[in-house]
PDB file of N, CA and C in Angstrom:
ATOM      1  N   THR A   1      25.572  -2.644  68.544  1.00  0.00           N
ATOM      2  CA  THR A   1      24.605  -1.916  67.716  1.00  0.00           C
ATOM      3  C   THR A   1      24.509  -2.563  66.325  1.00  0.00           C
ATOM      4  N   PRO A   2      23.283  -2.484  65.744  1.00  0.00           N
ATOM      5  CA  PRO A   2      23.130  -3.098  64.402  1.00  0.00           C
ATOM      6  C   PRO A   2      23.852  -2.261  63.354  1.00  0.00           C
ATOM      7  N   PRO A   3      24.267  -2.885  62.247  1.00  0.00           N
ATOM      8  CA  PRO A   3      24.965  -2.132  61.183  1.00  0.00           C
ATOM      9  C   PRO A   3      23.966  -1.163  60.549  1.00  0.00           C
ATOM     10  N   PRO A   4      24.470  -0.088  59.974  1.00  0.00           N
ATOM     11  CA  PRO A   4      23.568   0.868  59.302  1.00  0.00           C
ATOM     12  C   PRO A   4      22.899   0.209  58.113  1.00  0.00           C
ATOM     13  N   PRO A   5      21.665   0.641  57.834  1.00  0.00           N
ATOM     14  CA  PRO A   5      20.970   0.039  56.690  1.00  0.00           C
ATOM     15  C   PRO A   5      21.669   0.336  55.379  1.00  0.00           C
ATOM     16  N   ILE A   6      21.548  -0.572  54.455  1.00  0.00           N
ATOM     17  CA  ILE A   6      22.141  -0.362  53.137  1.00  0.00           C
ATOM     18  C   ILE A   6      21.094   0.320  52.257  1.00  0.00           C
ATOM     19  N   LEU A   7      21.434   1.457  51.744  1.00  0.00           N
ATOM     20  CA  LEU A   7      20.474   2.179  50.915  1.00  0.00           C
ATOM     21  C   LEU A   7      20.690   1.770  49.427  1.00  0.00           C
ATOM     22  N   VAL A   8      19.613   1.359  48.821  1.00  0.00           N
ATOM     23  CA  VAL A   8      19.653   0.928  47.443  1.00  0.00           C
ATOM     24  C   VAL A   8      18.904   1.992  46.621  1.00  0.00           C
ATOM     25  N   GLY A   9      19.594   2.549  45.630  1.00  0.00           N
ATOM     26  CA  GLY A   9      18.956   3.547  44.770  1.00  0.00           C
ATOM     27  C   GLY A   9      17.945   2.962  43.834  1.00  0.00           C
ATOM     28  N   ARG A  10      16.961   3.716  43.489  1.00  0.00           N
ATOM     29  CA  ARG A  10      15.974   3.249  42.518  1.00  0.00           C
ATOM     30  C   ARG A  10      16.609   3.335  41.132  1.00  0.00           C
ATOM     31  N   PRO A  11      16.227   2.409  40.240  1.00  0.00           N
ATOM     32  CA  PRO A  11      16.784   2.520  38.905  1.00  0.00           C
ATOM     33  C   PRO A  11      16.350   3.849  38.230  1.00  0.00           C
ATOM     34  N   HIS A  12      17.228   4.337  37.429  1.00  0.00           N
ATOM     35  CA  HIS A  12      16.948   5.614  36.747  1.00  0.00           C
ATOM     36  C   HIS A  12      15.766   5.385  35.794  1.00  0.00           C
ATOM     37  N   SER A  13      14.841   6.330  35.782  1.00  0.00           N
ATOM     38  CA  SER A  13      13.785   6.270  34.824  1.00  0.00           C
ATOM     39  C   SER A  13      13.989   7.300  33.725  1.00  0.00           C
ATOM     40  N   VAL A  14      13.603   6.928  32.492  1.00  0.00           N
ATOM     41  CA  VAL A  14      13.805   7.825  31.396  1.00  0.00           C
ATOM     42  C   VAL A  14      12.543   8.696  31.271  1.00  0.00           C
ATOM     43  N   CYS A  15      12.712   9.968  31.235  1.00  0.00           N
ATOM     44  CA  CYS A  15      11.606  10.892  31.106  1.00  0.00           C
ATOM     45  C   CYS A  15      11.581  11.429  29.699  1.00  0.00           C
ATOM     46  N   LEU A  16      10.576  11.061  28.909  1.00  0.00           N
ATOM     47  CA  LEU A  16      10.458  11.563  27.552  1.00  0.00           C
ATOM     48  C   LEU A  16       9.618  12.822  27.560  1.00  0.00           C
ATOM     49  N   VAL A  17      10.087  13.783  26.837  1.00  0.00           N
ATOM     50  CA  VAL A  17       9.353  15.043  26.723  1.00  0.00           C
ATOM     51  C   VAL A  17       8.409  14.912  25.535  1.00  0.00           C
ATOM     52  N   ALA A  18       7.140  15.168  25.756  1.00  0.00           N
ATOM     53  CA  ALA A  18       6.174  15.098  24.701  1.00  0.00           C
ATOM     54  C   ALA A  18       6.184  16.437  23.939  1.00  0.00           C
ATOM     55  N   VAL A  19       6.236  16.358  22.608  1.00  0.00           N
ATOM     56  CA  VAL A  19       6.302  17.542  21.772  1.00  0.00           C
ATOM     57  C   VAL A  19       5.269  17.425  20.622  1.00  0.00           C
ATOM     58  N   PRO A  20       4.489  18.460  20.409  1.00  0.00           N
ATOM     59  CA  PRO A  20       3.517  18.394  19.291  1.00  0.00           C
ATOM     60  C   PRO A  20       4.208  18.207  17.952  1.00  0.00           C
ATOM     61  N   GLY A  21       3.491  17.533  17.022  1.00  0.00           N
ATOM     62  CA  GLY A  21       4.008  17.371  15.673  1.00  0.00           C
ATOM     63  C   GLY A  21       4.225  18.738  15.031  1.00  0.00           C
ATOM     64  N   LYS A  22       5.384  18.906  14.414  1.00  0.00           N
ATOM     65  CA  LYS A  22       5.693  20.212  13.846  1.00  0.00           C
ATOM     66  C   LYS A  22       6.547  20.043  12.610  1.00  0.00           C
ATOM     67  N   ILE A  23       6.345  20.935  11.637  1.00  0.00           N
ATOM     68  CA  ILE A  23       7.199  21.008  10.466  1.00  0.00           C
ATOM     69  C   ILE A  23       8.194  22.142  10.733  1.00  0.00           C
ATOM     70  N   GLN A  24       9.437  21.746  10.936  1.00  0.00           N
ATOM     71  CA  GLN A  24      10.506  22.716  11.262  1.00  0.00           C
ATOM     72  C   GLN A  24      10.830  23.571  10.040  1.00  0.00           C
ATOM     73  N   LYS A  25      10.857  22.936   8.847  1.00  0.00           N
ATOM     74  CA  LYS A  25      11.099  23.694   7.628  1.00  0.00           C
ATOM     75  C   LYS A  25      10.306  23.005   6.527  1.00  0.00           C
ATOM     76  N   GLY A  26       9.429  23.742   5.891  1.00  0.00           N
ATOM     77  CA  GLY A  26       8.597  23.175   4.848  1.00  0.00           C
ATOM     78  C   GLY A  26       9.339  23.019   3.539  1.00  0.00           C
ATOM     79  N   PRO A  27       8.722  22.297   2.580  1.00  0.00           N
ATOM     80  CA  PRO A  27       9.387  22.103   1.289  1.00  0.00           C
ATOM     81  C   PRO A  27       9.414  23.416   0.498  1.00  0.00           C
ATOM     82  N   ASP A  28      10.419  23.546  -0.380  1.00  0.00           N
ATOM     83  CA  ASP A  28      10.518  24.740  -1.243  1.00  0.00           C
ATOM     84  C   ASP A  28       9.697  24.497  -2.492  1.00  0.00           C
ATOM     85  N   SER A  29       9.073  25.577  -2.998  1.00  0.00           N
ATOM     86  CA  SER A  29       8.393  25.508  -4.300  1.00  0.00           C
ATOM     87  C   SER A  29       9.442  25.354  -5.380  1.00  0.00           C
ATOM     88  N   VAL A  30       9.098  24.621  -6.445  1.00  0.00           N
ATOM     89  CA  VAL A  30      10.063  24.348  -7.517  1.00  0.00           C
ATOM     90  C   VAL A  30       9.455  24.491  -8.883  1.00  0.00           C
ATOM     91  N   LYS A  31      10.322  24.777  -9.835  1.00  0.00           N
ATOM     92  CA  LYS A  31       9.928  24.754 -11.241  1.00  0.00           C
ATOM     93  C   LYS A  31      10.769  23.671 -11.905  1.00  0.00           C
ATOM     94  N   VAL A  32      10.101  22.774 -12.619  1.00  0.00           N
ATOM     95  CA  VAL A  32      10.803  21.628 -13.233  1.00  0.00           C
ATOM     96  C   VAL A  32      10.321  21.463 -14.672  1.00  0.00           C
ATOM     97  N   LYS A  33      11.138  20.775 -15.439  1.00  0.00           N
ATOM     98  CA  LYS A  33      10.776  20.457 -16.837  1.00  0.00           C
ATOM     99  C   LYS A  33      10.166  19.070 -16.897  1.00  0.00           C
ATOM    100  N   VAL A  34       9.312  18.906 -17.860  1.00  0.00           N
ATOM    101  CA  VAL A  34       8.702  17.578 -18.092  1.00  0.00           C
ATOM    102  C   VAL A  34       9.803  16.523 -18.180  1.00  0.00           C
ATOM    103  N   GLY A  35       9.583  15.391 -17.479  1.00  0.00           N
ATOM    104  CA  GLY A  35      10.542  14.276 -17.548  1.00  0.00           C
ATOM    105  C   GLY A  35      11.552  14.258 -16.409  1.00  0.00           C
ATOM    106  N   GLN A  36      11.671  15.414 -15.700  1.00  0.00           N
ATOM    107  CA  GLN A  36      12.640  15.458 -14.587  1.00  0.00           C
ATOM    108  C   GLN A  36      12.055  14.783 -13.334  1.00  0.00           C
ATOM    109  N   THR A  37      12.931  14.644 -12.325  1.00  0.00           N
ATOM    110  CA  THR A  37      12.504  14.122 -11.023  1.00  0.00           C
ATOM    111  C   THR A  37      12.494  15.243 -10.013  1.00  0.00           C
ATOM    112  N   VAL A  38      11.446  15.315  -9.218  1.00  0.00           N
ATOM    113  CA  VAL A  38      11.282  16.332  -8.182  1.00  0.00           C
ATOM    114  C   VAL A  38      11.321  15.687  -6.830  1.00  0.00           C
ATOM    115  N   LYS A  39      12.011  16.317  -5.876  1.00  0.00           N
ATOM    116  CA  LYS A  39      11.981  15.899  -4.492  1.00  0.00           C
ATOM    117  C   LYS A  39      11.585  17.079  -3.618  1.00  0.00           C
ATOM    118  N   LEU A  40      10.477  16.952  -2.922  1.00  0.00           N
ATOM    119  CA  LEU A  40      10.042  17.956  -1.972  1.00  0.00           C
ATOM    120  C   LEU A  40      10.424  17.441  -0.580  1.00  0.00           C
ATOM    121  N   VAL A  41      11.207  18.197   0.191  1.00  0.00           N
ATOM    122  CA  VAL A  41      11.702  17.744   1.484  1.00  0.00           C
ATOM    123  C   VAL A  41      11.153  18.651   2.575  1.00  0.00           C
ATOM    124  N   ALA A  42      10.620  18.076   3.620  1.00  0.00           N
ATOM    125  CA  ALA A  42      10.155  18.809   4.830  1.00  0.00           C
ATOM    126  C   ALA A  42      10.900  18.266   6.032  1.00  0.00           C
ATOM    127  N   HIS A  43      11.346  19.158   6.896  1.00  0.00           N
ATOM    128  CA  HIS A  43      12.015  18.767   8.146  1.00  0.00           C
ATOM    129  C   HIS A  43      10.955  18.766   9.265  1.00  0.00           C
ATOM    130  N   ILE A  44      10.802  17.624   9.912  1.00  0.00           N
ATOM    131  CA  ILE A  44       9.689  17.426  10.841  1.00  0.00           C
ATOM    132  C   ILE A  44      10.196  17.024  12.204  1.00  0.00           C
ATOM    133  N   SER A  45       9.302  17.217  13.247  1.00  0.00           N
ATOM    134  CA  SER A  45       9.643  16.758  14.576  1.00  0.00           C
ATOM    135  C   SER A  45       8.385  16.445  15.326  1.00  0.00           C
ATOM    136  N   GLY A  46       8.514  15.828  16.448  1.00  0.00           N
ATOM    137  CA  GLY A  46       7.370  15.516  17.332  1.00  0.00           C
ATOM    138  C   GLY A  46       7.664  14.289  18.156  1.00  0.00           C
ATOM    139  N   GLU A  47       7.082  14.275  19.367  1.00  0.00           N
ATOM    140  CA  GLU A  47       7.230  13.099  20.268  1.00  0.00           C
ATOM    141  C   GLU A  47       5.888  12.975  21.013  1.00  0.00           C
ATOM    142  N   PRO A  48       5.095  11.945  20.832  1.00  0.00           N
ATOM    143  CA  PRO A  48       5.444  10.766  20.017  1.00  0.00           C
ATOM    144  C   PRO A  48       5.581  11.099  18.523  1.00  0.00           C
ATOM    145  N   GLU A  49       6.297  10.192  17.834  1.00  0.00           N
ATOM    146  CA  GLU A  49       6.570  10.416  16.414  1.00  0.00           C
ATOM    147  C   GLU A  49       5.263  10.671  15.676  1.00  0.00           C
ATOM    148  N   PRO A  50       5.197  11.746  14.894  1.00  0.00           N
ATOM    149  CA  PRO A  50       3.941  12.093  14.262  1.00  0.00           C
ATOM    150  C   PRO A  50       3.623  11.223  13.009  1.00  0.00           C
ATOM    151  N   ASP A  51       2.342  11.125  12.708  1.00  0.00           N
ATOM    152  CA  ASP A  51       1.924  10.593  11.417  1.00  0.00           C
ATOM    153  C   ASP A  51       2.203  11.654  10.373  1.00  0.00           C
ATOM    154  N   VAL A  52       2.591  11.243   9.189  1.00  0.00           N
ATOM    155  CA  VAL A  52       2.937  12.138   8.105  1.00  0.00           C
ATOM    156  C   VAL A  52       2.119  11.821   6.898  1.00  0.00           C
ATOM    157  N   GLY A  53       1.657  12.817   6.172  1.00  0.00           N
ATOM    158  CA  GLY A  53       0.950  12.623   4.945  1.00  0.00           C
ATOM    159  C   GLY A  53       1.241  13.710   3.950  1.00  0.00           C
ATOM    160  N   TRP A  54       0.978  13.430   2.661  1.00  0.00           N
ATOM    161  CA  TRP A  54       1.155  14.436   1.616  1.00  0.00           C
ATOM    162  C   TRP A  54      -0.158  14.492   0.821  1.00  0.00           C
ATOM    163  N   ALA A  55      -0.475  15.681   0.343  1.00  0.00           N
ATOM    164  CA  ALA A  55      -1.663  15.871  -0.485  1.00  0.00           C
ATOM    165  C   ALA A  55      -1.293  16.765  -1.670  1.00  0.00           C
ATOM    166  N   LYS A  56      -2.023  16.619  -2.748  1.00  0.00           N
ATOM    167  CA  LYS A  56      -1.884  17.520  -3.919  1.00  0.00           C
ATOM    168  C   LYS A  56      -3.228  18.135  -4.231  1.00  0.00           C
ATOM    169  N   ASP A  57      -3.274  19.449  -4.241  1.00  0.00           N
ATOM    170  CA  ASP A  57      -4.500  20.197  -4.514  1.00  0.00           C
ATOM    171  C   ASP A  57      -5.648  19.674  -3.626  1.00  0.00           C
ATOM    172  N   GLY A  58      -5.317  19.408  -2.351  1.00  0.00           N
ATOM    173  CA  GLY A  58      -6.330  19.020  -1.357  1.00  0.00           C
ATOM    174  C   GLY A  58      -6.703  17.570  -1.346  1.00  0.00           C
ATOM    175  N   GLU A  59      -6.142  16.745  -2.249  1.00  0.00           N
ATOM    176  CA  GLU A  59      -6.438  15.310  -2.280  1.00  0.00           C
ATOM    177  C   GLU A  59      -5.212  14.520  -1.799  1.00  0.00           C
ATOM    178  N   ASP A  60      -5.426  13.497  -0.960  1.00  0.00           N
ATOM    179  CA  ASP A  60      -4.304  12.692  -0.508  1.00  0.00           C
ATOM    180  C   ASP A  60      -3.537  12.102  -1.693  1.00  0.00           C
ATOM    181  N   VAL A  61      -2.237  12.109  -1.580  1.00  0.00           N
ATOM    182  CA  VAL A  61      -1.380  11.554  -2.635  1.00  0.00           C
ATOM    183  C   VAL A  61      -1.550  10.030  -2.670  1.00  0.00           C
ATOM    184  N   GLU A  62      -1.809   9.512  -3.869  1.00  0.00           N
ATOM    185  CA  GLU A  62      -1.861   8.073  -4.071  1.00  0.00           C
ATOM    186  C   GLU A  62      -0.495   7.637  -4.546  1.00  0.00           C
ATOM    187  N   GLU A  63       0.173   6.834  -3.734  1.00  0.00           N
ATOM    188  CA  GLU A  63       1.556   6.451  -4.061  1.00  0.00           C
ATOM    189  C   GLU A  63       1.573   5.353  -5.131  1.00  0.00           C
ATOM    190  N   ASP A  64       2.599   5.395  -5.976  1.00  0.00           N
ATOM    191  CA  ASP A  64       2.865   4.350  -6.949  1.00  0.00           C
ATOM    192  C   ASP A  64       4.358   4.345  -7.211  1.00  0.00           C
ATOM    193  N   ASP A  65       4.787   3.668  -8.306  1.00  0.00           N
ATOM    194  CA  ASP A  65       6.222   3.581  -8.573  1.00  0.00           C
ATOM    195  C   ASP A  65       6.834   4.937  -8.980  1.00  0.00           C
ATOM    196  N   ARG A  66       6.003   5.872  -9.432  1.00  0.00           N
ATOM    197  CA  ARG A  66       6.486   7.134  -9.940  1.00  0.00           C
ATOM    198  C   ARG A  66       6.391   8.255  -8.905  1.00  0.00           C
ATOM    199  N   LEU A  67       5.403   8.147  -8.034  1.00  0.00           N
ATOM    200  CA  LEU A  67       5.160   9.195  -7.058  1.00  0.00           C
ATOM    201  C   LEU A  67       4.992   8.529  -5.682  1.00  0.00           C
ATOM    202  N   PHE A  68       5.899   8.874  -4.737  1.00  0.00           N
ATOM    203  CA  PHE A  68       5.862   8.250  -3.440  1.00  0.00           C
ATOM    204  C   PHE A  68       6.561   9.106  -2.417  1.00  0.00           C
ATOM    205  N   TYR A  69       6.345   8.809  -1.162  1.00  0.00           N
ATOM    206  CA  TYR A  69       7.042   9.560  -0.120  1.00  0.00           C
ATOM    207  C   TYR A  69       7.693   8.650   0.881  1.00  0.00           C
ATOM    208  N   ASP A  70       8.786   9.154   1.445  1.00  0.00           N
ATOM    209  CA  ASP A  70       9.558   8.462   2.478  1.00  0.00           C
ATOM    210  C   ASP A  70       9.516   9.284   3.750  1.00  0.00           C
ATOM    211  N   ILE A  71       9.573   8.589   4.895  1.00  0.00           N
ATOM    212  CA  ILE A  71       9.593   9.237   6.191  1.00  0.00           C
ATOM    213  C   ILE A  71      10.821   8.771   6.959  1.00  0.00           C
ATOM    214  N   ASP A  72      11.694   9.692   7.301  1.00  0.00           N
ATOM    215  CA  ASP A  72      12.848   9.334   8.121  1.00  0.00           C
ATOM    216  C   ASP A  72      12.629   9.950   9.519  1.00  0.00           C
ATOM    217  N   GLU A  73      13.665   9.890  10.340  1.00  0.00           N
ATOM    218  CA  GLU A  73      13.525  10.345  11.712  1.00  0.00           C
ATOM    219  C   GLU A  73      13.123  11.806  11.811  1.00  0.00           C
ATOM    220  N   ASP A  74      13.728  12.652  10.958  1.00  0.00           N
ATOM    221  CA  ASP A  74      13.412  14.087  11.062  1.00  0.00           C
ATOM    222  C   ASP A  74      13.099  14.754   9.736  1.00  0.00           C
ATOM    223  N   THR A  75      12.903  13.947   8.700  1.00  0.00           N
ATOM    224  CA  THR A  75      12.503  14.502   7.388  1.00  0.00           C
ATOM    225  C   THR A  75      11.486  13.573   6.739  1.00  0.00           C
ATOM    226  N   THR A  76      10.743  14.158   5.815  1.00  0.00           N
ATOM    227  CA  THR A  76       9.888  13.407   4.903  1.00  0.00           C
ATOM    228  C   THR A  76      10.140  13.953   3.516  1.00  0.00           C
ATOM    229  N   THR A  77      10.209  13.050   2.538  1.00  0.00           N
ATOM    230  CA  THR A  77      10.536  13.464   1.148  1.00  0.00           C
ATOM    231  C   THR A  77       9.493  12.897   0.202  1.00  0.00           C
ATOM    232  N   LEU A  78       8.864  13.817  -0.569  1.00  0.00           N
ATOM    233  CA  LEU A  78       7.962  13.364  -1.624  1.00  0.00           C
ATOM    234  C   LEU A  78       8.755  13.382  -2.920  1.00  0.00           C
ATOM    235  N   THR A  79       8.778  12.241  -3.609  1.00  0.00           N
ATOM    236  CA  THR A  79       9.504  12.103  -4.875  1.00  0.00           C
ATOM    237  C   THR A  79       8.520  11.932  -6.007  1.00  0.00           C
ATOM    238  N   ILE A  80       8.686  12.685  -7.068  1.00  0.00           N
ATOM    239  CA  ILE A  80       7.894  12.541  -8.316  1.00  0.00           C
ATOM    240  C   ILE A  80       8.866  12.312  -9.421  1.00  0.00           C
ATOM    241  N   LYS A  81       8.827  11.090  -9.988  1.00  0.00           N
ATOM    242  CA  LYS A  81       9.722  10.768 -11.114  1.00  0.00           C
ATOM    243  C   LYS A  81       9.032  11.056 -12.423  1.00  0.00           C
ATOM    244  N   ASN A  82       9.829  11.351 -13.454  1.00  0.00           N
ATOM    245  CA  ASN A  82       9.301  11.542 -14.806  1.00  0.00           C
ATOM    246  C   ASN A  82       8.098  12.470 -14.800  1.00  0.00           C
ATOM    247  N   VAL A  83       8.310  13.704 -14.295  1.00  0.00           N
ATOM    248  CA  VAL A  83       7.262  14.687 -14.117  1.00  0.00           C
ATOM    249  C   VAL A  83       6.495  14.947 -15.406  1.00  0.00           C
ATOM    250  N   THR A  84       5.167  15.048 -15.294  1.00  0.00           N
ATOM    251  CA  THR A  84       4.320  15.442 -16.388  1.00  0.00           C
ATOM    252  C   THR A  84       3.626  16.731 -16.029  1.00  0.00           C
ATOM    253  N   LYS A  85       2.960  17.355 -17.014  1.00  0.00           N
ATOM    254  CA  LYS A  85       2.214  18.596 -16.760  1.00  0.00           C
ATOM    255  C   LYS A  85       1.144  18.388 -15.710  1.00  0.00           C
ATOM    256  N   ALA A  86       0.585  17.180 -15.614  1.00  0.00           N
ATOM    257  CA  ALA A  86      -0.465  16.908 -14.660  1.00  0.00           C
ATOM    258  C   ALA A  86       0.056  16.928 -13.221  1.00  0.00           C
ATOM    259  N   ASP A  87       1.366  16.888 -13.024  1.00  0.00           N
ATOM    260  CA  ASP A  87       1.948  16.897 -11.675  1.00  0.00           C
ATOM    261  C   ASP A  87       2.024  18.320 -11.103  1.00  0.00           C
ATOM    262  N   ALA A  88       1.824  19.317 -11.944  1.00  0.00           N
ATOM    263  CA  ALA A  88       1.833  20.721 -11.448  1.00  0.00           C
ATOM    264  C   ALA A  88       0.714  20.918 -10.441  1.00  0.00           C
ATOM    265  N   GLY A  89       0.998  21.711  -9.432  1.00  0.00           N
ATOM    266  CA  GLY A  89      -0.065  22.003  -8.431  1.00  0.00           C
ATOM    267  C   GLY A  89       0.481  22.412  -7.085  1.00  0.00           C
ATOM    268  N   LYS A  90      -0.390  22.480  -6.128  1.00  0.00           N
ATOM    269  CA  LYS A  90      -0.044  22.880  -4.767  1.00  0.00           C
ATOM    270  C   LYS A  90       0.041  21.604  -3.923  1.00  0.00           C
ATOM    271  N   TYR A  91       1.209  21.344  -3.394  1.00  0.00           N
ATOM    272  CA  TYR A  91       1.428  20.168  -2.551  1.00  0.00           C
ATOM    273  C   TYR A  91       1.444  20.572  -1.082  1.00  0.00           C
ATOM    274  N   GLU A  92       0.900  19.713  -0.280  1.00  0.00           N
ATOM    275  CA  GLU A  92       0.817  19.990   1.161  1.00  0.00           C
ATOM    276  C   GLU A  92       1.450  18.796   1.905  1.00  0.00           C
ATOM    277  N   VAL A  93       2.244  19.079   2.899  1.00  0.00           N
ATOM    278  CA  VAL A  93       2.736  18.057   3.839  1.00  0.00           C
ATOM    279  C   VAL A  93       2.106  18.364   5.175  1.00  0.00           C
ATOM    280  N   PHE A  94       1.647  17.316   5.861  1.00  0.00           N
ATOM    281  CA  PHE A  94       1.077  17.516   7.177  1.00  0.00           C
ATOM    282  C   PHE A  94       1.586  16.454   8.169  1.00  0.00           C
ATOM    283  N   VAL A  95       1.792  16.887   9.404  1.00  0.00           N
ATOM    284  CA  VAL A  95       2.214  15.994  10.462  1.00  0.00           C
ATOM    285  C   VAL A  95       1.237  16.130  11.604  1.00  0.00           C
ATOM    286  N   GLU A  96       0.997  15.034  12.309  1.00  0.00           N
ATOM    287  CA  GLU A  96       0.061  15.030  13.433  1.00  0.00           C
ATOM    288  C   GLU A  96       0.417  13.963  14.428  1.00  0.00           C
ATOM    289  N   ASN A  97       0.395  14.354  15.722  1.00  0.00           N
ATOM    290  CA  ASN A  97       0.479  13.374  16.800  1.00  0.00           C
ATOM    291  C   ASN A  97      -0.581  13.727  17.825  1.00  0.00           C
ATOM    292  N   SER A  98      -0.580  13.048  18.964  1.00  0.00           N
ATOM    293  CA  SER A  98      -1.614  13.260  19.970  1.00  0.00           C
ATOM    294  C   SER A  98      -1.615  14.652  20.537  1.00  0.00           C
ATOM    295  N   LEU A  99      -0.543  15.401  20.356  1.00  0.00           N
ATOM    296  CA  LEU A  99      -0.433  16.740  20.962  1.00  0.00           C
ATOM    297  C   LEU A  99      -0.703  17.870  20.003  1.00  0.00           C
ATOM    298  N   GLY A 100      -0.708  17.606  18.695  1.00  0.00           N
ATOM    299  CA  GLY A 100      -0.924  18.693  17.791  1.00  0.00           C
ATOM    300  C   GLY A 100      -0.561  18.321  16.349  1.00  0.00           C
ATOM    301  N   MET A 101      -0.873  19.276  15.469  1.00  0.00           N
ATOM    302  CA  MET A 101      -0.588  19.056  14.038  1.00  0.00           C
ATOM    303  C   MET A 101       0.012  20.294  13.441  1.00  0.00           C
ATOM    304  N   ASP A 102       0.594  20.138  12.248  1.00  0.00           N
ATOM    305  CA  ASP A 102       1.173  21.245  11.513  1.00  0.00           C
ATOM    306  C   ASP A 102       1.117  20.930  10.025  1.00  0.00           C
ATOM    307  N   GLN A 103       1.216  21.933   9.189  1.00  0.00           N
ATOM    308  CA  GLN A 103       1.200  21.694   7.757  1.00  0.00           C
ATOM    309  C   GLN A 103       2.017  22.757   7.081  1.00  0.00           C
ATOM    310  N   SER A 104       2.412  22.458   5.826  1.00  0.00           N
ATOM    311  CA  SER A 104       3.177  23.395   5.046  1.00  0.00           C
ATOM    312  C   SER A 104       2.863  23.115   3.577  1.00  0.00           C
ATOM    313  N   PHE A 105       3.021  24.143   2.728  1.00  0.00           N
ATOM    314  CA  PHE A 105       2.669  23.990   1.333  1.00  0.00           C
ATOM    315  C   PHE A 105       3.842  24.358   0.437  1.00  0.00           C
ATOM    316  N   ALA A 106       3.811  23.816  -0.788  1.00  0.00           N
ATOM    317  CA  ALA A 106       4.817  24.165  -1.811  1.00  0.00           C
ATOM    318  C   ALA A 106       4.141  23.989  -3.167  1.00  0.00           C
ATOM    319  N   ARG A 107       4.560  24.834  -4.114  1.00  0.00           N
ATOM    320  CA  ARG A 107       4.022  24.714  -5.495  1.00  0.00           C
ATOM    321  C   ARG A 107       5.041  23.978  -6.354  1.00  0.00           C
ATOM    322  N   VAL A 108       4.526  23.131  -7.234  1.00  0.00           N
ATOM    323  CA  VAL A 108       5.318  22.535  -8.278  1.00  0.00           C
ATOM    324  C   VAL A 108       4.791  23.063  -9.577  1.00  0.00           C
ATOM    325  N   ASP A 109       5.653  23.799 -10.310  1.00  0.00           N
ATOM    326  CA  ASP A 109       5.314  24.322 -11.620  1.00  0.00           C
ATOM    327  C   ASP A 109       6.087  23.553 -12.648  1.00  0.00           C
ATOM    328  N   VAL A 110       5.402  23.043 -13.658  1.00  0.00           N
ATOM    329  CA  VAL A 110       6.024  22.233 -14.717  1.00  0.00           C
ATOM    330  C   VAL A 110       6.125  23.104 -15.967  1.00  0.00           C
ATOM    331  N   ILE A 111       7.362  23.251 -16.514  1.00  0.00           N
ATOM    332  CA  ILE A 111       7.550  24.087 -17.679  1.00  0.00           C
ATOM    333  C   ILE A 111       7.997  23.296 -18.893  1.00  0.00           C
TER     334      ILE A 111
END
């Protein structure tokens, strides 16, 4: 009789779970003095990795050496150095991927 067939298993496939872009915890509103540094931090998630943006009073933030944002694996941080009265306002962080979007707001008051 012939030998039994050799069964070869298929390679394991990785199954990624798709998750809509979401802000798990939005930034806290803050009061700061002129000249201080502010960091607004939002905890984010999503798969595929979401696009992230920040806006102030409805206008996209224009980054420069004084005002910029960083995006890490699960957080995004908006930094404002040497705060001026003009930096006061309503800040919005938004995340979006192919499955959905989310947003959160925080106020920066300059005293």
